[in-house]
């Protein structure tokens, strides 16, 4: 099944001649994330489960970390340009991984992010929705937006093989596979906006002018027909919660606070003092960072005051 949105805009981009860039780059990703707004967060925390109110599907995106990104680029370099220097390797990492997927602290869909190891999520789904049998993974949809391509992987119970039998098993995919509890993804468009090109020798060269292009990503779609749900203990939900920034393109609903403590304070159903040791330590570190930011702001304001010519201000009030 293929859903085509903004088809004319997408064709405009993918038919462009783009200067050479790393492609494909194989990422090995161990975590996934579900981002929501304030309303979704309160519902998930109150019910201690994910059960989409208006759909049978719960959508999760890959959540890459810096180590996984660095590893993928190093493997690509080693395979294609084994003789380049350490400094040139660093340029690879910084210059080309620039699509929204690699802006690790941002999201377009809300600032409440729940992140879990994929192995945990698959185990919960297996126990709660598959009768203890392994879930089935299939190639579901390729969704195209104006500049974004999403490869959706369907995850369902073996009981629903007949229902979803028309979709190929994930093993048939050229670009995505599931292996040892991780998603292995051959990314084809990691830049979105291209500022650099890759020479045949592996040198990163600046372009005379930037070029807009597409970017791609993988989403995991868990089938949860009512009354099924993905139940997760509240303590684990709190541990998995991170406050992320809203990106320039904001597709979210009700926004929430910009840090975890404020998120939990705003939700009186979960008092802070009931959190695990891990949560309390995290909140303490967050509070320390917040105080350091306040101290730095006060120091900057004091410096600004000292360097201002106050004689003009005094003359204006005489």
Foldseek 3Di string as FASTA:
>chain_A
DEAEAQPVLQCVFVPDDDFAADFFFKFWAFKKKAAAALVLVLVCLVVQWDCDPPDQKGKIFTQDDPVRLLVRLVVSCCVQAVPDDPVLSVCNSPQAQAPPSPPRQEDQAAFKMFMDGLVVQQCLCCVQAAVNDGWFKFFDYFYDYSFETEGEIETHHPVCCVVPVVTHGPVPDPAWDADPNIIIGTWGHRHQKHQWHADSNGGTGGDPDIDGHHGYGYMYMYGHDPPGIRGHDSLSRLLRIFGGHYDPNHPYDHYADRGSVRSVVVNVVRDPVPHDPSNVVVVVVVVVVVVVVVVVVVVVVVVVVVPDPCVVVVVVVD
